[in-house]
Structures are given as structure tokens and as C-alpha cells.
Amino acid sequence: MKLGILTSGGDCPGLNAVIRAFCKYAFNNIDGVEIYGIEEGYLGLINRQYRRLYPADVENILDLGGTILGSTRTPYKLMTVSDNGEATRLQTMVENYKKLKLDGLIALGGAGTHKTASLLSVEGCNVIGLPKTIDNDIYGTDVTFGFNTAVQTAADCIKRIRTTADSHSRVFFVEVMGNKVGWLTLYSGLASGADGIFIPEISYDENSLAQYLKKRKADGYRSTIIAVAEGAISTREAAMGKKERKDYLAAAGNASAAQRCAAVAELNTGISCRATVLGHIQRGGDPCAYDKVLCTRIGAYGGMLAKQGKFGVTVAVHGSKLSYNSLTEIAGRTKYVPADSQIVTLAKDMGVYFGE
């Protein structure tokens, strides 16, 4: 059996741990297996950049951050677009899959990666998806690998900001990644004891925010920390049309969500407000112990699916067990934080402010 494996899209902690687990399972359980690492994600399949992997190549990468295969973002929306009448990127990938005589392709990635994996599957390629993203937004799985490590990193950063906020009696809006969903902000906010959490699924009211900050100051709190998802928006922004909001953001200098929060809050309250954008530090570093175990399980389970010839699927975590979903059923769907979920309700009951 000849298998290809690639990492696509944004990186996250645990990619190498999954590569290791998949390869170790395959080398130990599939007779005569050959594994080829496709370099730079789907771009490597387009350009035929690959190298054969041997057991020694993956032996000591469990703790290594990043990806030994490299990764690029190859936009899904461009996969079926033809440039100057030439073959589309999808057609080129299918052709190269056949030229390499692959029996299967293992794609480690997030939402965009899975959408492209679904396209390849429909075109007849044998594909298995392995759910990676710090955003935790892949539909049909309880958790993605890399998420818990990013939660730990973001929570640690927020806790550090608390000390400087207390020292200077300030309000800090700390921006957390997450794309269009609030899972990472919700979990890291709760793990760090943030006073408020703003997520895309629940728009915040600017007037309510001003009242909340004034009351905390009047009640004697020296600091206020609000974790803000990068996709968080105010009720005013939510009511805007697409063009109106684009013009609004341009007028604001394309400020980040946290920067917009800080600016309007300081204007409305006179309280010293600061914004901190955590950025790519949330993607870096080695995986935490939880993710190392999860990555090992997901990688090995992917190897088992390949051995069984079960393709056209992506691995999923359901409770304490692993299973799989059809790529075509989950591709293009997003797992949002339910605004009425138990975790949000309990947080509100504890006094965590969600901007309403």
C-alpha cells in the first residue's frame, strides 16, 4: 500500500505528533506500506513535492511543534478555477495522485482542508481527514487536536495581563484567535478567570459595555479583563449590511476586534482601556499532554482506517471514543458555540459578562 500524508492550512500544536502516530501504526500494521510526505500541503500535491518517510524520520517528533512537512494555505475557492484555460488545481491534484500511484491520501487540516479533501474524494481519490485546528470549528467532532494546547497558551497570556491591569487600574481587551467561532475565546476566558467573554455567536452591546465597566469601577475593582474573539462584533456592527460594515472597518483603520472594543469603551467611559492581540503565539510551541495523547489516538486511528480501506471519511471524537464522519457530510459546515449551551449558561450564572 502506498500512502501520502500532508498538512494543510494554518499550523497548530500536534501536527507532528499525529504524523508520528499515523506512520508508526502503518509501519507496524500494514505489510509493505510506503508512506510519502507531501510537502507544503495541497501545494505539494499540485507541484509534486514529496519525499518518502521512514520510521527514523518520525521517531522523535512527538514533542516537536509545527510540521516537518511544511504547510501552506491553498484557498478552497480557487481549487476549481481554471487559469488561462489550463487544468484547475483540483484536476492537477487528481492527476498527480494517480501519477504517484497512491492508494490513499491522509490530510491533516481544518475546515478548508476538509472541503478540498471532500472534492478530491468525489473525484475518486481515497482520502482520510484528520481534524486539526485551534479554532475547534470542524463540524461533527467534539474536539480537534491543537485546540487544548492553544487554550492553555491563551489562558496563560490572559492571566499575565491581569497583573499589569491590576497594577495600572486598567481595562484590557485581549483578542484571541478562533476564526468565525468562539470556542477558543470561551475556553481560554474561563480558564483564565476573565471577567467578560465576547464571542461571534453573541454580539455585544456598546452601551451595555460602558455601563458594565463603570459599575465595576464604582464597585472598587482595579481591573477588568475581557477575552475577545477575533470574530466578535457589536450589535451595531451586526445590524450593518456587508458594504456598510466594510466601510466602517476601513474608517476604523481595519482595527482588530479588541482594538475596536477598547476605543469605543474608553470613549464612552473615560476609563483607561488597552487592547492586546495574542496572534500567532497561540499556534506555536509543542502540544500539551492532553493533545499529545489525542494526537496519538487520532493518528493511529487514521492508520487503522487506511488499513481497513475506509476512505472518504474524517476522524471524529465523540465522548471518550473515536469514530468517523463522511467527508461530504461535514465539509463546508461549521461548528458554532450554541448561545444557549450549558457552558455559556453556567458562565453567565457565575457572573461572566458576555456583552448583552
Protein backbone atom coordinates (compact mmCIF):
# COMPACT_ATOMS: atom_id res chain seq x y z
CA MET A 1 0.00 0.00 0.00
CA LYS A 2 1.30 3.44 -0.99
CA LEU A 3 0.03 6.33 1.13
CA GLY A 4 0.56 10.07 1.01
CA ILE A 5 0.25 12.38 4.02
CA LEU A 6 0.11 16.18 4.12
CA THR A 7 -0.53 19.07 6.50
CA SER A 8 -2.51 21.96 5.06
CA GLY A 9 -3.68 25.38 6.22
CA GLY A 10 -2.59 27.14 9.39
CA ASP A 11 -0.29 25.20 11.67
CA CYS A 12 -1.12 24.16 15.21
CA PRO A 13 0.47 22.18 18.05
CA GLY A 14 0.29 18.43 17.50
CA LEU A 15 0.71 18.09 13.74
CA ASN A 16 3.99 16.22 14.11
CA ALA A 17 2.54 14.05 16.86
CA VAL A 18 -0.25 12.94 14.51
CA ILE A 19 2.18 12.31 11.65
CA ARG A 20 4.24 10.18 14.01
CA ALA A 21 1.30 8.15 15.27
CA PHE A 22 -0.11 7.53 11.80
CA CYS A 23 3.26 6.44 10.41
CA LYS A 24 4.10 4.23 13.39
CA TYR A 25 0.73 2.47 13.13
CA ALA A 26 1.12 1.98 9.38
CA PHE A 27 4.73 0.75 9.59
CA ASN A 28 3.79 -1.76 12.27
CA ASN A 29 0.48 -2.99 10.88
CA ILE A 30 0.38 -2.64 7.09
CA ASP A 31 2.61 -5.08 5.21
CA GLY A 32 4.84 -3.44 2.61
CA VAL A 33 3.50 0.05 3.26
CA GLU A 34 5.23 3.04 1.70
CA ILE A 35 4.48 6.49 3.12
CA TYR A 36 5.23 9.68 1.24
CA GLY A 37 5.17 13.07 2.93
CA ILE A 38 3.60 15.64 0.61
CA GLU A 39 5.37 18.93 1.31
CA GLU A 40 3.67 22.32 1.76
CA GLY A 41 0.13 20.97 1.92
CA TYR A 42 -2.01 20.71 -1.19
CA LEU A 43 0.51 22.90 -2.99
CA GLY A 44 2.94 19.99 -2.77
CA LEU A 45 0.41 17.70 -4.44
CA ILE A 46 -0.05 20.29 -7.18
CA ASN A 47 3.70 20.69 -7.72
CA ARG A 48 4.65 17.06 -6.93
CA GLN A 49 6.83 17.96 -3.96
CA TYR A 50 7.19 14.92 -1.77
CA ARG A 51 9.64 12.63 -0.04
CA ARG A 52 9.43 9.12 1.30
CA LEU A 53 9.17 8.80 5.07
CA TYR A 54 10.91 6.07 7.03
CA PRO A 55 10.47 5.01 10.67
CA ALA A 56 13.51 7.01 11.77
CA ASP A 57 12.03 10.20 10.28
CA VAL A 58 9.12 10.21 12.71
CA GLU A 59 10.65 8.62 15.79
CA ASN A 60 11.37 11.73 17.86
CA ILE A 61 8.81 14.30 16.77
CA LEU A 62 6.08 13.78 19.39
CA ASP A 63 7.09 16.95 21.26
CA LEU A 64 8.02 19.00 18.20
CA GLY A 65 5.83 21.98 17.34
CA GLY A 66 4.96 22.94 13.77
CA THR A 67 5.08 20.39 10.97
CA ILE A 68 8.04 18.58 9.43
CA LEU A 69 6.18 18.56 6.10
CA GLY A 70 5.56 22.30 5.92
CA SER A 71 2.18 23.85 5.27
CA THR A 72 0.60 26.49 3.06
CA ARG A 73 -2.85 27.92 2.63
CA THR A 74 -4.28 26.90 -0.74
CA PRO A 75 -7.71 28.57 -0.85
CA TYR A 76 -10.59 26.18 -1.41
CA LYS A 77 -12.44 28.69 -3.59
CA LEU A 78 -9.58 28.62 -6.13
CA MET A 79 -9.44 24.83 -6.41
CA THR A 80 -11.94 24.61 -9.26
CA VAL A 81 -10.90 27.82 -11.06
CA SER A 82 -9.05 27.43 -14.34
CA ASP A 83 -6.26 29.88 -15.13
CA ASN A 84 -5.90 30.73 -18.83
CA GLY A 85 -7.84 27.65 -19.89
CA GLU A 86 -5.41 25.29 -18.15
CA ALA A 87 -6.32 22.49 -15.77
CA THR A 88 -7.76 23.54 -12.42
CA ARG A 89 -5.78 22.91 -9.28
CA LEU A 90 -8.21 20.15 -8.39
CA GLN A 91 -7.67 18.45 -11.74
CA THR A 92 -3.90 18.74 -11.32
CA MET A 93 -4.05 17.19 -7.84
CA VAL A 94 -6.19 14.29 -9.05
CA GLU A 95 -3.80 13.73 -11.96
CA ASN A 96 -0.74 13.77 -9.67
CA TYR A 97 -2.47 11.47 -7.17
CA LYS A 98 -2.80 8.95 -9.98
CA LYS A 99 0.73 9.51 -11.29
CA LEU A 100 2.13 8.86 -7.82
CA LYS A 101 0.02 5.68 -7.75
CA LEU A 102 -1.24 6.47 -4.29
CA ASP A 103 -3.66 4.08 -2.63
CA GLY A 104 -4.72 6.78 -0.19
CA LEU A 105 -4.08 10.35 0.95
CA ILE A 106 -4.13 11.46 4.59
CA ALA A 107 -4.95 15.16 5.02
CA LEU A 108 -4.30 16.85 8.36
CA GLY A 109 -6.19 20.13 8.42
CA GLY A 110 -9.08 22.33 9.35
CA ALA A 111 -12.28 23.41 7.65
CA GLY A 112 -10.74 24.49 4.33
CA THR A 113 -8.55 21.40 4.17
CA HIS A 114 -11.58 19.17 4.68
CA LYS A 115 -13.56 20.92 1.96
CA THR A 116 -10.75 20.27 -0.51
CA ALA A 117 -10.41 16.70 0.78
CA SER A 118 -14.11 16.22 0.03
CA LEU A 119 -13.59 17.46 -3.53
CA LEU A 120 -10.73 15.00 -4.03
CA SER A 121 -12.86 12.20 -2.60
CA VAL A 122 -15.72 12.97 -5.00
CA GLU A 123 -13.19 12.86 -7.86
CA GLY A 124 -12.24 9.30 -6.92
CA CYS A 125 -9.21 9.79 -4.68
CA ASN A 126 -9.04 7.77 -1.46
CA VAL A 127 -8.84 10.40 1.28
CA ILE A 128 -8.92 10.35 5.09
CA GLY A 129 -9.17 13.63 7.00
CA LEU A 130 -7.63 14.18 10.43
CA PRO A 131 -9.25 17.17 12.25
CA LYS A 132 -6.72 19.85 13.10
CA THR A 133 -7.39 23.43 14.20
CA ILE A 134 -7.03 25.64 17.25
CA ASP A 135 -10.46 27.04 16.32
CA ASN A 136 -12.26 23.76 17.17
CA ASP A 137 -14.82 24.58 14.46
CA ILE A 138 -14.89 21.34 12.44
CA TYR A 139 -18.42 20.00 12.33
CA GLY A 140 -19.12 16.54 13.73
CA THR A 141 -16.28 16.22 16.25
CA ASP A 142 -16.24 17.18 19.92
CA VAL A 143 -12.70 18.47 19.73
CA THR A 144 -9.88 18.99 17.25
CA PHE A 145 -6.23 18.38 18.05
CA GLY A 146 -4.28 21.54 18.86
CA PHE A 147 -7.28 23.22 20.49
CA ASN A 148 -6.45 22.38 24.09
CA THR A 149 -2.84 23.49 23.74
CA ALA A 150 -3.98 26.82 22.29
CA VAL A 151 -6.45 27.20 25.18
CA GLN A 152 -3.59 26.73 27.64
CA THR A 153 -1.38 29.24 25.82
CA ALA A 154 -4.11 31.89 25.54
CA ALA A 155 -5.18 31.40 29.16
CA ASP A 156 -1.60 31.79 30.38
CA CYS A 157 -1.26 35.04 28.43
CA ILE A 158 -4.55 36.43 29.76
CA LYS A 159 -3.51 35.63 33.32
CA ARG A 160 -0.25 37.53 32.82
CA ILE A 161 -2.12 40.56 31.53
CA ARG A 162 -4.23 40.57 34.70
CA THR A 163 -1.21 41.57 36.80
CA THR A 164 -0.39 44.62 34.72
CA ALA A 165 -4.08 45.54 34.50
CA ASP A 166 -4.28 45.43 38.32
CA SER A 167 -1.09 47.47 38.67
CA HIS A 168 -2.39 50.31 36.49
CA SER A 169 -6.13 50.02 37.21
CA ARG A 170 -6.97 49.43 33.58
CA VAL A 171 -9.39 47.58 31.36
CA PHE A 172 -7.80 45.13 28.94
CA PHE A 173 -9.47 43.62 25.89
CA VAL A 174 -7.43 40.54 24.97
CA GLU A 175 -8.01 39.26 21.46
CA VAL A 176 -7.98 35.50 20.94
CA MET A 177 -7.96 33.63 17.64
CA GLY A 178 -10.82 31.40 16.53
CA ASN A 179 -11.78 32.47 13.00
CA LYS A 180 -15.57 32.89 12.96
CA VAL A 181 -16.36 30.92 16.12
CA GLY A 182 -15.83 31.49 19.83
CA TRP A 183 -14.65 28.15 21.21
CA LEU A 184 -11.06 29.20 21.87
CA THR A 185 -12.07 32.50 23.43
CA LEU A 186 -14.76 30.87 25.58
CA TYR A 187 -12.47 28.17 26.97
CA SER A 188 -9.38 30.35 27.45
CA GLY A 189 -11.52 33.08 29.00
CA LEU A 190 -12.99 30.67 31.52
CA ALA A 191 -9.61 29.04 32.19
CA SER A 192 -8.03 32.40 32.96
CA GLY A 193 -10.85 33.87 35.03
CA ALA A 194 -11.67 36.61 32.52
CA ASP A 195 -14.43 38.95 33.69
CA GLY A 196 -16.04 39.10 30.26
CA ILE A 197 -16.04 36.96 27.12
CA PHE A 198 -17.08 38.29 23.70
CA ILE A 199 -17.69 35.66 21.02
CA PRO A 200 -19.09 35.91 17.46
CA GLU A 201 -22.16 33.91 18.38
CA ILE A 202 -23.31 36.56 20.89
CA SER A 203 -22.94 40.18 19.74
CA TYR A 204 -22.06 42.71 22.43
CA ASP A 205 -23.86 46.00 23.07
CA GLU A 206 -21.61 49.05 23.29
CA ASN A 207 -23.87 50.94 25.71
CA SER A 208 -24.19 47.89 27.95
CA LEU A 209 -20.39 47.54 27.89
CA ALA A 210 -19.94 51.13 29.06
CA GLN A 211 -22.41 50.62 31.91
CA TYR A 212 -20.71 47.37 32.92
CA LEU A 213 -17.26 48.95 33.07
CA LYS A 214 -18.48 51.98 35.03
CA LYS A 215 -20.21 49.74 37.58
CA ARG A 216 -17.09 47.60 38.10
CA LYS A 217 -15.03 50.72 38.70
CA ALA A 218 -17.65 52.07 41.12
CA ASP A 219 -17.65 48.72 42.93
CA GLY A 220 -13.92 49.02 43.56
CA TYR A 221 -12.44 46.58 41.02
CA ARG A 222 -8.98 47.70 39.96
CA SER A 223 -9.05 45.85 36.65
CA THR A 224 -11.33 44.26 34.12
CA ILE A 225 -10.23 41.63 31.63
CA ILE A 226 -12.40 40.81 28.65
CA ALA A 227 -11.41 38.00 26.28
CA VAL A 228 -12.47 38.99 22.76
CA ALA A 229 -12.75 36.58 19.85
CA GLU A 230 -11.21 37.88 16.64
CA GLY A 231 -14.63 37.50 15.00
CA ALA A 232 -16.59 39.25 17.76
CA ILE A 233 -18.88 42.08 16.65
CA SER A 234 -21.10 44.64 18.33
CA THR A 235 -24.87 44.74 17.88
CA ARG A 236 -24.32 47.92 15.86
CA GLU A 237 -21.93 46.14 13.51
CA ALA A 238 -24.22 43.11 13.32
CA ALA A 239 -27.03 45.34 12.02
CA MET A 240 -24.87 46.71 9.19
CA GLY A 241 -25.02 45.49 5.63
CA LYS A 242 -21.91 43.97 4.08
CA LYS A 243 -20.78 47.16 2.33
CA GLU A 244 -21.65 49.39 5.28
CA ARG A 245 -19.60 47.24 7.63
CA LYS A 246 -16.70 47.15 5.17
CA ASP A 247 -16.72 50.96 5.05
CA TYR A 248 -16.98 51.11 8.85
CA LEU A 249 -13.95 48.86 9.30
CA ALA A 250 -11.98 50.85 6.73
CA ALA A 251 -12.79 54.07 8.58
CA ALA A 252 -11.54 52.42 11.78
CA GLY A 253 -8.26 51.66 10.06
CA ASN A 254 -9.19 47.96 9.91
CA ALA A 255 -8.62 47.78 13.65
CA SER A 256 -8.93 44.37 15.26
CA ALA A 257 -11.97 43.37 17.29
CA ALA A 258 -10.19 44.05 20.58
CA GLN A 259 -8.90 47.41 19.37
CA ARG A 260 -12.40 48.47 18.34
CA CYS A 261 -13.76 47.40 21.73
CA ALA A 262 -11.08 49.34 23.60
CA ALA A 263 -11.55 52.50 21.54
CA VAL A 264 -15.33 52.70 21.94
CA ALA A 265 -15.21 51.68 25.62
CA GLU A 266 -12.68 54.39 26.50
CA LEU A 267 -14.65 56.96 24.51
CA ASN A 268 -17.89 56.09 26.30
CA THR A 269 -16.46 55.76 29.82
CA GLY A 270 -13.27 57.78 30.11
CA ILE A 271 -11.67 54.70 31.69
CA SER A 272 -8.18 53.75 30.52
CA CYS A 273 -8.63 50.81 28.12
CA ARG A 274 -6.00 48.78 26.31
CA ALA A 275 -6.09 46.12 23.62
CA THR A 276 -3.73 43.17 23.29
CA VAL A 277 -3.83 40.86 20.27
CA LEU A 278 -2.26 37.50 21.13
CA GLY A 279 -1.81 36.49 17.49
CA HIS A 280 0.26 33.57 16.27
CA ILE A 281 1.77 32.74 19.64
CA GLN A 282 -1.41 30.66 20.07
CA ARG A 283 -0.36 28.40 17.19
CA GLY A 284 3.22 27.82 18.28
CA GLY A 285 5.06 25.51 20.62
CA ASP A 286 4.83 21.85 21.49
CA PRO A 287 1.47 20.21 22.26
CA CYS A 288 0.27 19.83 25.85
CA ALA A 289 -0.03 16.35 27.37
CA TYR A 290 -3.75 16.15 26.53
CA ASP A 291 -3.08 16.93 22.88
CA LYS A 292 -0.16 14.51 22.72
CA VAL A 293 -2.48 11.70 23.77
CA LEU A 294 -5.29 12.89 21.49
CA CYS A 295 -2.90 13.23 18.54
CA THR A 296 -1.55 9.75 19.14
CA ARG A 297 -5.07 8.32 19.20
CA ILE A 298 -6.22 10.22 16.10
CA GLY A 299 -3.10 9.39 14.10
CA ALA A 300 -3.23 5.69 14.95
CA TYR A 301 -6.97 5.56 14.27
CA GLY A 302 -6.36 7.14 10.86
CA GLY A 303 -3.80 4.42 10.18
CA MET A 304 -6.34 1.78 11.14
CA LEU A 305 -8.90 3.27 8.73
CA ALA A 306 -6.31 3.20 5.93
CA LYS A 307 -5.51 -0.43 6.67
CA GLN A 308 -9.21 -1.28 6.52
CA GLY A 309 -9.62 0.63 3.25
CA LYS A 310 -12.11 3.03 4.84
CA PHE A 311 -11.73 6.23 2.82
CA GLY A 312 -13.85 9.28 2.11
CA VAL A 313 -14.09 9.96 5.85
CA THR A 314 -12.62 12.15 8.58
CA VAL A 315 -11.80 11.05 12.10
CA ALA A 316 -14.09 12.37 14.84
CA VAL A 317 -14.00 12.46 18.64
CA HIS A 318 -17.30 11.50 20.26
CA GLY A 319 -17.10 11.45 24.04
CA SER A 320 -14.31 9.08 25.03
CA LYS A 321 -14.28 7.24 21.69
CA LEU A 322 -13.05 7.85 18.17
CA SER A 323 -15.22 7.31 15.13
CA TYR A 324 -15.53 8.91 11.70
CA ASN A 325 -17.82 11.04 9.57
CA SER A 326 -18.29 11.19 5.82
CA LEU A 327 -16.20 13.98 4.27
CA THR A 328 -19.06 15.06 2.04
CA GLU A 329 -21.40 15.36 5.03
CA ILE A 330 -19.18 17.59 7.19
CA ALA A 331 -17.33 19.63 4.53
CA GLY A 332 -18.48 23.23 4.43
CA ARG A 333 -20.31 23.02 7.76
CA THR A 334 -19.17 24.95 10.83
CA LYS A 335 -19.47 24.03 14.49
CA TYR A 336 -20.53 27.18 16.34
CA VAL A 337 -20.84 27.77 20.06
CA PRO A 338 -24.57 27.45 20.86
CA ALA A 339 -25.56 30.68 22.58
CA ASP A 340 -27.82 28.70 24.92
CA SER A 341 -25.31 25.92 25.62
CA GLN A 342 -24.79 24.72 29.18
CA ILE A 343 -21.25 26.06 29.38
CA VAL A 344 -22.36 29.57 28.37
CA THR A 345 -25.38 29.49 30.68
CA LEU A 346 -23.30 28.39 33.67
CA ALA A 347 -20.67 31.05 32.91
CA LYS A 348 -23.37 33.72 32.86
CA ASP A 349 -24.78 32.40 36.13
CA MET A 350 -21.30 32.86 37.66
CA GLY A 351 -21.27 36.49 36.57
CA VAL A 352 -19.17 36.27 33.42
CA TYR A 353 -20.21 39.16 31.16
CA PHE A 354 -21.00 38.33 27.51
CA GLY A 355 -21.77 41.87 26.37
CA GLU A 356 -25.53 41.62 26.37
